[in-house]
């Protein structure tokens, strides 16, 4: 079951959060909160010393997706202004976006 949940989280980071955040993020109101929680889990797993095959699988999968696609998505959505950069998100406006 832990591997299935991990695979779902990887799928959510890679694709589903952007396509249907209203379905994927039912508990977390923001995709940035979701990325933060997954990132925290990666940090905990990387500090853990374990040879358990399930934990190693989870650590590898989540570390790879957050260091790759997850980071790319977060940085790709920043808004640059003369003061610096920032992010904006509000789940409630999802219905007004173009769906592909």
PDB file of N, CA and C in Angstrom:
ATOM      1  N   UNK A   1       0.814  -1.178   0.000  1.00  0.00           N
ATOM      2  CA  UNK A   1       0.000   0.000   0.000  1.00  0.00           C
ATOM      3  C   UNK A   1       0.875   1.266   0.000  1.00  0.00           C
ATOM      4  N   UNK A   2       1.991   1.241   0.727  1.00  0.00           N
ATOM      5  CA  UNK A   2       2.881   2.403   0.772  1.00  0.00           C
ATOM      6  C   UNK A   2       3.447   2.716  -0.608  1.00  0.00           C
ATOM      7  N   UNK A   3       3.752   1.685  -1.374  1.00  0.00           N
ATOM      8  CA  UNK A   3       4.258   1.904  -2.736  1.00  0.00           C
ATOM      9  C   UNK A   3       3.177   2.488  -3.644  1.00  0.00           C
ATOM     10  N   UNK A   4       1.943   2.043  -3.470  1.00  0.00           N
ATOM     11  CA  UNK A   4       0.844   2.593  -4.274  1.00  0.00           C
ATOM     12  C   UNK A   4       0.613   4.068  -3.949  1.00  0.00           C
ATOM     13  N   UNK A   5       0.664   4.417  -2.679  1.00  0.00           N
ATOM     14  CA  UNK A   5       0.506   5.824  -2.284  1.00  0.00           C
ATOM     15  C   UNK A   5       1.649   6.653  -2.843  1.00  0.00           C
ATOM     16  N   UNK A   6       2.849   6.102  -2.795  1.00  0.00           N
ATOM     17  CA  UNK A   6       4.006   6.790  -3.359  1.00  0.00           C
ATOM     18  C   UNK A   6       3.815   7.029  -4.846  1.00  0.00           C
ATOM     19  N   UNK A   7       3.382   6.005  -5.566  1.00  0.00           N
ATOM     20  CA  UNK A   7       3.152   6.153  -7.004  1.00  0.00           C
ATOM     21  C   UNK A   7       2.081   7.206  -7.285  1.00  0.00           C
ATOM     22  N   UNK A   8       1.048   7.276  -6.428  1.00  0.00           N
ATOM     23  CA  UNK A   8       0.027   8.309  -6.591  1.00  0.00           C
ATOM     24  C   UNK A   8       0.621   9.698  -6.374  1.00  0.00           C
ATOM     25  N   UNK A   9       1.458   9.858  -5.340  1.00  0.00           N
ATOM     26  CA  UNK A   9       2.082  11.153  -5.092  1.00  0.00           C
ATOM     27  C   UNK A   9       2.981  11.569  -6.249  1.00  0.00           C
ATOM     28  N   UNK A  10       3.716  10.624  -6.803  1.00  0.00           N
ATOM     29  CA  UNK A  10       4.559  10.921  -7.968  1.00  0.00           C
ATOM     30  C   UNK A  10       3.686  11.373  -9.139  1.00  0.00           C
ATOM     31  N   UNK A  11       2.599  10.655  -9.393  1.00  0.00           N
ATOM     32  CA  UNK A  11       1.663  11.036 -10.458  1.00  0.00           C
ATOM     33  C   UNK A  11       1.083  12.430 -10.204  1.00  0.00           C
ATOM     34  N   UNK A  12       0.745  12.720  -8.956  1.00  0.00           N
ATOM     35  CA  UNK A  12       0.183  14.028  -8.627  1.00  0.00           C
ATOM     36  C   UNK A  12       1.189  15.141  -8.904  1.00  0.00           C
ATOM     37  N   UNK A  13       2.436  14.958  -8.504  1.00  0.00           N
ATOM     38  CA  UNK A  13       3.465  15.977  -8.738  1.00  0.00           C
ATOM     39  C   UNK A  13       3.736  16.130 -10.227  1.00  0.00           C
ATOM     40  N   UNK A  14       3.840  15.029 -10.947  1.00  0.00           N
ATOM     41  CA  UNK A  14       4.185  15.085 -12.367  1.00  0.00           C
ATOM     42  C   UNK A  14       3.083  15.679 -13.234  1.00  0.00           C
ATOM     43  N   UNK A  15       1.810  15.427 -12.895  1.00  0.00           N
ATOM     44  CA  UNK A  15       0.758  15.779 -13.838  1.00  0.00           C
ATOM     45  C   UNK A  15      -0.549  16.241 -13.206  1.00  0.00           C
ATOM     46  N   UNK A  16      -1.065  15.492 -12.277  1.00  0.00           N
ATOM     47  CA  UNK A  16      -2.446  15.670 -11.827  1.00  0.00           C
ATOM     48  C   UNK A  16      -2.702  16.970 -11.081  1.00  0.00           C
ATOM     49  N   UNK A  17      -1.744  17.481 -10.334  1.00  0.00           N
ATOM     50  CA  UNK A  17      -1.960  18.713  -9.581  1.00  0.00           C
ATOM     51  C   UNK A  17      -2.244  19.870 -10.531  1.00  0.00           C
ATOM     52  N   UNK A  18      -1.586  19.891 -11.663  1.00  0.00           N
ATOM     53  CA  UNK A  18      -1.814  20.968 -12.623  1.00  0.00           C
ATOM     54  C   UNK A  18      -3.111  20.787 -13.404  1.00  0.00           C
ATOM     55  N   UNK A  19      -3.433  19.555 -13.743  1.00  0.00           N
ATOM     56  CA  UNK A  19      -4.636  19.316 -14.543  1.00  0.00           C
ATOM     57  C   UNK A  19      -5.910  19.440 -13.737  1.00  0.00           C
ATOM     58  N   UNK A  20      -5.963  18.861 -12.539  1.00  0.00           N
ATOM     59  CA  UNK A  20      -7.187  18.879 -11.731  1.00  0.00           C
ATOM     60  C   UNK A  20      -6.887  19.093 -10.253  1.00  0.00           C
ATOM     61  N   UNK A  21      -6.426  20.280  -9.896  1.00  0.00           N
ATOM     62  CA  UNK A  21      -6.127  20.518  -8.473  1.00  0.00           C
ATOM     63  C   UNK A  21      -7.369  20.426  -7.594  1.00  0.00           C
ATOM     64  N   UNK A  22      -8.525  20.669  -8.164  1.00  0.00           N
ATOM     65  CA  UNK A  22      -9.756  20.600  -7.372  1.00  0.00           C
ATOM     66  C   UNK A  22     -10.064  19.180  -6.920  1.00  0.00           C
ATOM     67  N   UNK A  23      -9.557  18.173  -7.628  1.00  0.00           N
ATOM     68  CA  UNK A  23      -9.762  16.785  -7.237  1.00  0.00           C
ATOM     69  C   UNK A  23      -8.596  16.226  -6.436  1.00  0.00           C
ATOM     70  N   UNK A  24      -7.399  16.559  -6.834  1.00  0.00           N
ATOM     71  CA  UNK A  24      -6.209  16.008  -6.191  1.00  0.00           C
ATOM     72  C   UNK A  24      -5.976  16.635  -4.825  1.00  0.00           C
ATOM     73  N   UNK A  25      -6.222  17.922  -4.693  1.00  0.00           N
ATOM     74  CA  UNK A  25      -5.882  18.644  -3.466  1.00  0.00           C
ATOM     75  C   UNK A  25      -7.110  18.903  -2.607  1.00  0.00           C
ATOM     76  N   UNK A  26      -7.878  17.880  -2.358  1.00  0.00           N
ATOM     77  CA  UNK A  26      -9.093  18.069  -1.571  1.00  0.00           C
ATOM     78  C   UNK A  26      -8.791  18.473  -0.133  1.00  0.00           C
ATOM     79  N   UNK A  27      -7.692  18.011   0.421  1.00  0.00           N
ATOM     80  CA  UNK A  27      -7.347  18.361   1.797  1.00  0.00           C
ATOM     81  C   UNK A  27      -6.472  19.604   1.842  1.00  0.00           C
ATOM     82  N   UNK A  28      -5.460  19.659   0.991  1.00  0.00           N
ATOM     83  CA  UNK A  28      -4.542  20.789   0.975  1.00  0.00           C
ATOM     84  C   UNK A  28      -5.093  21.854   0.031  1.00  0.00           C
ATOM     85  N   UNK A  29      -5.305  23.058   0.519  1.00  0.00           N
ATOM     86  CA  UNK A  29      -5.911  24.077  -0.331  1.00  0.00           C
ATOM     87  C   UNK A  29      -4.974  24.640  -1.390  1.00  0.00           C
ATOM     88  N   UNK A  30      -3.710  24.417  -1.278  1.00  0.00           N
ATOM     89  CA  UNK A  30      -2.748  24.993  -2.208  1.00  0.00           C
ATOM     90  C   UNK A  30      -1.796  23.916  -2.714  1.00  0.00           C
ATOM     91  N   UNK A  31      -1.470  23.985  -4.002  1.00  0.00           N
ATOM     92  CA  UNK A  31      -0.500  23.023  -4.513  1.00  0.00           C
ATOM     93  C   UNK A  31       0.877  23.278  -3.918  1.00  0.00           C
ATOM     94  N   UNK A  32       1.150  24.511  -3.517  1.00  0.00           N
ATOM     95  CA  UNK A  32       2.433  24.790  -2.881  1.00  0.00           C
ATOM     96  C   UNK A  32       2.507  24.157  -1.489  1.00  0.00           C
ATOM     97  N   UNK A  33       1.392  24.106  -0.788  1.00  0.00           N
ATOM     98  CA  UNK A  33       1.361  23.359   0.481  1.00  0.00           C
ATOM     99  C   UNK A  33       1.614  21.876   0.223  1.00  0.00           C
ATOM    100  N   UNK A  34       0.998  21.358  -0.825  1.00  0.00           N
ATOM    101  CA  UNK A  34       1.197  19.957  -1.198  1.00  0.00           C
ATOM    102  C   UNK A  34       2.668  19.686  -1.487  1.00  0.00           C
ATOM    103  N   UNK A  35       3.293  20.536  -2.306  1.00  0.00           N
ATOM    104  CA  UNK A  35       4.715  20.360  -2.612  1.00  0.00           C
ATOM    105  C   UNK A  35       5.552  20.451  -1.331  1.00  0.00           C
ATOM    106  N   UNK A  36       5.188  21.349  -0.423  1.00  0.00           N
ATOM    107  CA  UNK A  36       5.922  21.513   0.815  1.00  0.00           C
ATOM    108  C   UNK A  36       5.847  20.242   1.655  1.00  0.00           C
ATOM    109  N   UNK A  37       4.640  19.672   1.777  1.00  0.00           N
ATOM    110  CA  UNK A  37       4.491  18.450   2.573  1.00  0.00           C
ATOM    111  C   UNK A  37       5.260  17.281   1.955  1.00  0.00           C
ATOM    112  N   UNK A  38       5.215  17.142   0.646  1.00  0.00           N
ATOM    113  CA  UNK A  38       5.977  16.070  -0.010  1.00  0.00           C
ATOM    114  C   UNK A  38       7.470  16.325   0.177  1.00  0.00           C
ATOM    115  N   UNK A  39       7.895  17.571   0.047  1.00  0.00           N
ATOM    116  CA  UNK A  39       9.300  17.920   0.251  1.00  0.00           C
ATOM    117  C   UNK A  39       9.769  17.623   1.668  1.00  0.00           C
ATOM    118  N   UNK A  40       8.918  17.901   2.662  1.00  0.00           N
ATOM    119  CA  UNK A  40       9.257  17.582   4.049  1.00  0.00           C
ATOM    120  C   UNK A  40       9.412  16.079   4.239  1.00  0.00           C
ATOM    121  N   UNK A  41       8.532  15.309   3.613  1.00  0.00           N
ATOM    122  CA  UNK A  41       8.628  13.854   3.690  1.00  0.00           C
ATOM    123  C   UNK A  41       9.946  13.375   3.086  1.00  0.00           C
ATOM    124  N   UNK A  42      10.336  13.960   1.964  1.00  0.00           N
ATOM    125  CA  UNK A  42      11.618  13.612   1.331  1.00  0.00           C
ATOM    126  C   UNK A  42      12.757  13.899   2.303  1.00  0.00           C
ATOM    127  N   UNK A  43      12.719  15.049   2.958  1.00  0.00           N
ATOM    128  CA  UNK A  43      13.761  15.393   3.917  1.00  0.00           C
ATOM    129  C   UNK A  43      13.863  14.398   5.058  1.00  0.00           C
ATOM    130  N   UNK A  44      12.730  13.991   5.595  1.00  0.00           N
ATOM    131  CA  UNK A  44      12.711  13.008   6.689  1.00  0.00           C
ATOM    132  C   UNK A  44      13.280  11.683   6.200  1.00  0.00           C
ATOM    133  N   UNK A  45      12.851  11.242   5.028  1.00  0.00           N
ATOM    134  CA  UNK A  45      13.327   9.961   4.496  1.00  0.00           C
ATOM    135  C   UNK A  45      14.823   9.995   4.202  1.00  0.00           C
ATOM    136  N   UNK A  46      15.342  11.118   3.732  1.00  0.00           N
ATOM    137  CA  UNK A  46      16.766  11.206   3.424  1.00  0.00           C
ATOM    138  C   UNK A  46      17.632  11.222   4.685  1.00  0.00           C
ATOM    139  N   UNK A  47      17.077  11.687   5.796  1.00  0.00           N
ATOM    140  CA  UNK A  47      17.833  11.658   7.059  1.00  0.00           C
ATOM    141  C   UNK A  47      17.757  10.303   7.740  1.00  0.00           C
ATOM    142  N   UNK A  48      16.805   9.489   7.340  1.00  0.00           N
ATOM    143  CA  UNK A  48      16.592   8.189   7.953  1.00  0.00           C
ATOM    144  C   UNK A  48      17.650   7.184   7.488  1.00  0.00           C
ATOM    145  N   UNK A  49      18.120   6.396   8.403  1.00  0.00           N
ATOM    146  CA  UNK A  49      19.052   5.319   8.063  1.00  0.00           C
ATOM    147  C   UNK A  49      18.276   4.006   8.122  1.00  0.00           C
ATOM    148  N   UNK A  50      17.875   3.507   6.968  1.00  0.00           N
ATOM    149  CA  UNK A  50      17.086   2.281   6.929  1.00  0.00           C
ATOM    150  C   UNK A  50      17.405   1.501   5.665  1.00  0.00           C
ATOM    151  N   UNK A  51      17.390   0.203   5.788  1.00  0.00           N
ATOM    152  CA  UNK A  51      17.557  -0.670   4.624  1.00  0.00           C
ATOM    153  C   UNK A  51      16.243  -1.312   4.201  1.00  0.00           C
ATOM    154  N   UNK A  52      15.144  -0.856   4.798  1.00  0.00           N
ATOM    155  CA  UNK A  52      13.830  -1.373   4.445  1.00  0.00           C
ATOM    156  C   UNK A  52      13.545  -1.060   2.974  1.00  0.00           C
ATOM    157  N   UNK A  53      13.214  -2.067   2.203  1.00  0.00           N
ATOM    158  CA  UNK A  53      13.041  -1.914   0.752  1.00  0.00           C
ATOM    159  C   UNK A  53      11.893  -0.974   0.399  1.00  0.00           C
ATOM    160  N   UNK A  54      10.831  -1.007   1.179  1.00  0.00           N
ATOM    161  CA  UNK A  54       9.716  -0.090   0.908  1.00  0.00           C
ATOM    162  C   UNK A  54      10.119   1.360   1.157  1.00  0.00           C
ATOM    163  N   UNK A  55      10.809   1.620   2.256  1.00  0.00           N
ATOM    164  CA  UNK A  55      11.253   2.987   2.535  1.00  0.00           C
ATOM    165  C   UNK A  55      12.268   3.473   1.514  1.00  0.00           C
ATOM    166  N   UNK A  56      13.140   2.598   1.073  1.00  0.00           N
ATOM    167  CA  UNK A  56      14.103   2.975   0.027  1.00  0.00           C
ATOM    168  C   UNK A  56      13.390   3.301  -1.279  1.00  0.00           C
ATOM    169  N   UNK A  57      12.354   2.533  -1.616  1.00  0.00           N
ATOM    170  CA  UNK A  57      11.553   2.781  -2.815  1.00  0.00           C
ATOM    171  C   UNK A  57      10.878   4.150  -2.721  1.00  0.00           C
ATOM    172  N   UNK A  58      10.244   4.417  -1.578  1.00  0.00           N
ATOM    173  CA  UNK A  58       9.543   5.686  -1.379  1.00  0.00           C
ATOM    174  C   UNK A  58      10.524   6.850  -1.465  1.00  0.00           C
ATOM    175  N   UNK A  59      11.656   6.716  -0.777  1.00  0.00           N
ATOM    176  CA  UNK A  59      12.665   7.779  -0.792  1.00  0.00           C
ATOM    177  C   UNK A  59      13.167   8.053  -2.205  1.00  0.00           C
ATOM    178  N   UNK A  60      13.473   7.005  -2.953  1.00  0.00           N
ATOM    179  CA  UNK A  60      13.989   7.187  -4.314  1.00  0.00           C
ATOM    180  C   UNK A  60      12.958   7.860  -5.217  1.00  0.00           C
ATOM    181  N   UNK A  61      11.737   7.348  -5.200  1.00  0.00           N
ATOM    182  CA  UNK A  61      10.691   7.885  -6.087  1.00  0.00           C
ATOM    183  C   UNK A  61      10.366   9.340  -5.766  1.00  0.00           C
ATOM    184  N   UNK A  62      10.139   9.635  -4.479  1.00  0.00           N
ATOM    185  CA  UNK A  62       9.757  10.997  -4.113  1.00  0.00           C
ATOM    186  C   UNK A  62      10.918  11.974  -4.258  1.00  0.00           C
ATOM    187  N   UNK A  63      12.123  11.540  -3.925  1.00  0.00           N
ATOM    188  CA  UNK A  63      13.293  12.411  -4.104  1.00  0.00           C
ATOM    189  C   UNK A  63      13.476  12.767  -5.573  1.00  0.00           C
ATOM    190  N   UNK A  64      13.373  11.771  -6.438  1.00  0.00           N
ATOM    191  CA  UNK A  64      13.564  12.028  -7.866  1.00  0.00           C
ATOM    192  C   UNK A  64      12.520  12.973  -8.427  1.00  0.00           C
ATOM    193  N   UNK A  65      11.246  12.765  -8.065  1.00  0.00           N
ATOM    194  CA  UNK A  65      10.202  13.611  -8.644  1.00  0.00           C
ATOM    195  C   UNK A  65      10.276  15.032  -8.090  1.00  0.00           C
ATOM    196  N   UNK A  66      10.616  15.187  -6.817  1.00  0.00           N
ATOM    197  CA  UNK A  66      10.681  16.536  -6.259  1.00  0.00           C
ATOM    198  C   UNK A  66      11.938  17.285  -6.706  1.00  0.00           C
ATOM    199  N   UNK A  67      13.035  16.572  -6.893  1.00  0.00           N
ATOM    200  CA  UNK A  67      14.260  17.230  -7.372  1.00  0.00           C
ATOM    201  C   UNK A  67      14.175  17.552  -8.869  1.00  0.00           C
ATOM    202  N   UNK A  68      13.320  16.858  -9.572  1.00  0.00           N
ATOM    203  CA  UNK A  68      13.158  17.083 -11.008  1.00  0.00           C
ATOM    204  C   UNK A  68      11.915  17.892 -11.320  1.00  0.00           C
ATOM    205  N   UNK A  69      10.851  17.188 -11.645  1.00  0.00           N
ATOM    206  CA  UNK A  69       9.616  17.820 -12.098  1.00  0.00           C
ATOM    207  C   UNK A  69       9.004  18.753 -11.053  1.00  0.00           C
ATOM    208  N   UNK A  70       9.021  18.363  -9.792  1.00  0.00           N
ATOM    209  CA  UNK A  70       8.444  19.209  -8.747  1.00  0.00           C
ATOM    210  C   UNK A  70       9.141  20.563  -8.654  1.00  0.00           C
ATOM    211  N   UNK A  71      10.458  20.552  -8.607  1.00  0.00           N
ATOM    212  CA  UNK A  71      11.225  21.804  -8.548  1.00  0.00           C
ATOM    213  C   UNK A  71      11.017  22.623  -9.810  1.00  0.00           C
ATOM    214  N   UNK A  72      11.033  21.971 -10.970  1.00  0.00           N
ATOM    215  CA  UNK A  72      10.812  22.682 -12.229  1.00  0.00           C
ATOM    216  C   UNK A  72       9.459  23.377 -12.251  1.00  0.00           C
ATOM    217  N   UNK A  73       8.434  22.699 -11.757  1.00  0.00           N
ATOM    218  CA  UNK A  73       7.093  23.297 -11.734  1.00  0.00           C
ATOM    219  C   UNK A  73       7.028  24.489 -10.794  1.00  0.00           C
ATOM    220  N   UNK A  74       7.590  24.346  -9.613  1.00  0.00           N
ATOM    221  CA  UNK A  74       7.559  25.447  -8.643  1.00  0.00           C
ATOM    222  C   UNK A  74       8.289  26.664  -9.199  1.00  0.00           C
ATOM    223  N   UNK A  75       9.485  26.467  -9.707  1.00  0.00           N
ATOM    224  CA  UNK A  75      10.264  27.588 -10.236  1.00  0.00           C
ATOM    225  C   UNK A  75       9.662  28.149 -11.525  1.00  0.00           C
ATOM    226  N   UNK A  76       9.018  27.291 -12.307  1.00  0.00           N
ATOM    227  CA  UNK A  76       8.401  27.734 -13.558  1.00  0.00           C
ATOM    228  C   UNK A  76       7.176  28.607 -13.369  1.00  0.00           C
ATOM    229  N   UNK A  77       6.608  28.604 -12.175  1.00  0.00           N
ATOM    230  CA  UNK A  77       5.399  29.388 -11.911  1.00  0.00           C
ATOM    231  C   UNK A  77       5.669  30.680 -11.155  1.00  0.00           C
ATOM    232  N   UNK A  78       6.926  30.993 -10.936  1.00  0.00           N
ATOM    233  CA  UNK A  78       7.218  32.231 -10.211  1.00  0.00           C
ATOM    234  C   UNK A  78       6.911  33.426 -11.107  1.00  0.00           C
ATOM    235  N   UNK A  79       6.520  34.498 -10.469  1.00  0.00           N
ATOM    236  CA  UNK A  79       6.232  35.743 -11.159  1.00  0.00           C
ATOM    237  C   UNK A  79       7.345  36.711 -10.785  1.00  0.00           C
ATOM    238  N   UNK A  80       7.978  37.280 -11.799  1.00  0.00           N
ATOM    239  CA  UNK A  80       9.112  38.171 -11.571  1.00  0.00           C
ATOM    240  C   UNK A  80       8.619  39.613 -11.629  1.00  0.00           C
ATOM    241  N   UNK A  81       9.020  40.391 -10.653  1.00  0.00           N
ATOM    242  CA  UNK A  81       8.707  41.816 -10.641  1.00  0.00           C
ATOM    243  C   UNK A  81       9.980  42.584 -10.326  1.00  0.00           C
ATOM    244  N   UNK A  82       9.879  43.894 -10.316  1.00  0.00           N
ATOM    245  CA  UNK A  82      11.080  44.685 -10.033  1.00  0.00           C
ATOM    246  C   UNK A  82      11.554  44.520  -8.587  1.00  0.00           C
ATOM    247  N   UNK A  83      10.651  44.109  -7.694  1.00  0.00           N
ATOM    248  CA  UNK A  83      11.027  43.880  -6.299  1.00  0.00           C
ATOM    249  C   UNK A  83      11.637  42.504  -6.069  1.00  0.00           C
ATOM    250  N   UNK A  84      11.474  41.601  -6.991  1.00  0.00           N
ATOM    251  CA  UNK A  84      11.973  40.233  -6.827  1.00  0.00           C
ATOM    252  C   UNK A  84      11.052  39.260  -7.527  1.00  0.00           C
ATOM    253  N   UNK A  85      10.742  38.168  -6.887  1.00  0.00           N
ATOM    254  CA  UNK A  85       9.808  37.216  -7.477  1.00  0.00           C
ATOM    255  C   UNK A  85       8.899  36.666  -6.385  1.00  0.00           C
ATOM    256  N   UNK A  86       7.746  36.130  -6.833  1.00  0.00           N
ATOM    257  CA  UNK A  86       6.753  35.614  -5.910  1.00  0.00           C
ATOM    258  C   UNK A  86       5.862  34.617  -6.645  1.00  0.00           C
ATOM    259  N   UNK A  87       5.016  33.958  -5.871  1.00  0.00           N
ATOM    260  CA  UNK A  87       4.072  32.994  -6.430  1.00  0.00           C
ATOM    261  C   UNK A  87       2.673  33.407  -6.020  1.00  0.00           C
ATOM    262  N   UNK A  88       1.696  33.127  -6.897  1.00  0.00           N
ATOM    263  CA  UNK A  88       0.295  33.396  -6.588  1.00  0.00           C
ATOM    264  C   UNK A  88      -0.490  32.144  -6.910  1.00  0.00           C
ATOM    265  N   UNK A  89      -1.379  31.772  -5.984  1.00  0.00           N
ATOM    266  CA  UNK A  89      -2.265  30.656  -6.296  1.00  0.00           C
ATOM    267  C   UNK A  89      -3.531  30.775  -5.477  1.00  0.00           C
ATOM    268  N   UNK A  90      -4.632  30.492  -6.136  1.00  0.00           N
ATOM    269  CA  UNK A  90      -5.913  30.418  -5.470  1.00  0.00           C
ATOM    270  C   UNK A  90      -6.695  29.310  -6.151  1.00  0.00           C
ATOM    271  N   UNK A  91      -7.010  28.249  -5.405  1.00  0.00           N
ATOM    272  CA  UNK A  91      -7.671  27.082  -5.980  1.00  0.00           C
ATOM    273  C   UNK A  91      -9.047  27.427  -6.525  1.00  0.00           C
ATOM    274  N   UNK A  92      -9.700  28.410  -5.955  1.00  0.00           N
ATOM    275  CA  UNK A  92     -11.054  28.751  -6.350  1.00  0.00           C
ATOM    276  C   UNK A  92     -11.211  29.249  -7.769  1.00  0.00           C
ATOM    277  N   UNK A  93     -10.137  29.675  -8.436  1.00  0.00           N
ATOM    278  CA  UNK A  93     -10.271  30.164  -9.805  1.00  0.00           C
ATOM    279  C   UNK A  93      -9.970  29.089 -10.844  1.00  0.00           C
ATOM    280  N   UNK A  94      -9.885  27.846 -10.429  1.00  0.00           N
ATOM    281  CA  UNK A  94      -9.537  26.771 -11.370  1.00  0.00           C
ATOM    282  C   UNK A  94     -10.553  26.649 -12.505  1.00  0.00           C
ATOM    283  N   UNK A  95     -11.813  26.830 -12.237  1.00  0.00           N
ATOM    284  CA  UNK A  95     -12.840  26.682 -13.256  1.00  0.00           C
ATOM    285  C   UNK A  95     -12.724  27.686 -14.383  1.00  0.00           C
ATOM    286  N   UNK A  96     -12.022  28.797 -14.191  1.00  0.00           N
ATOM    287  CA  UNK A  96     -11.865  29.822 -15.217  1.00  0.00           C
ATOM    288  C   UNK A  96     -10.648  29.612 -16.100  1.00  0.00           C
ATOM    289  N   UNK A  97      -9.817  28.645 -15.750  1.00  0.00           N
ATOM    290  CA  UNK A  97      -8.622  28.385 -16.540  1.00  0.00           C
ATOM    291  C   UNK A  97      -8.965  27.511 -17.748  1.00  0.00           C
ATOM    292  N   UNK A  98      -8.162  27.636 -18.776  1.00  0.00           N
ATOM    293  CA  UNK A  98      -8.342  26.760 -19.943  1.00  0.00           C
ATOM    294  C   UNK A  98      -7.857  25.375 -19.595  1.00  0.00           C
ATOM    295  N   UNK A  99      -8.680  24.392 -19.827  1.00  0.00           N
ATOM    296  CA  UNK A  99      -8.299  23.011 -19.561  1.00  0.00           C
ATOM    297  C   UNK A  99      -7.838  22.372 -20.859  1.00  0.00           C
ATOM    298  N   UNK A 100      -6.752  21.611 -20.751  1.00  0.00           N
ATOM    299  CA  UNK A 100      -6.256  20.910 -21.935  1.00  0.00           C
ATOM    300  C   UNK A 100      -6.327  19.426 -21.743  1.00  0.00           C
TER     301      UNK A 100
END
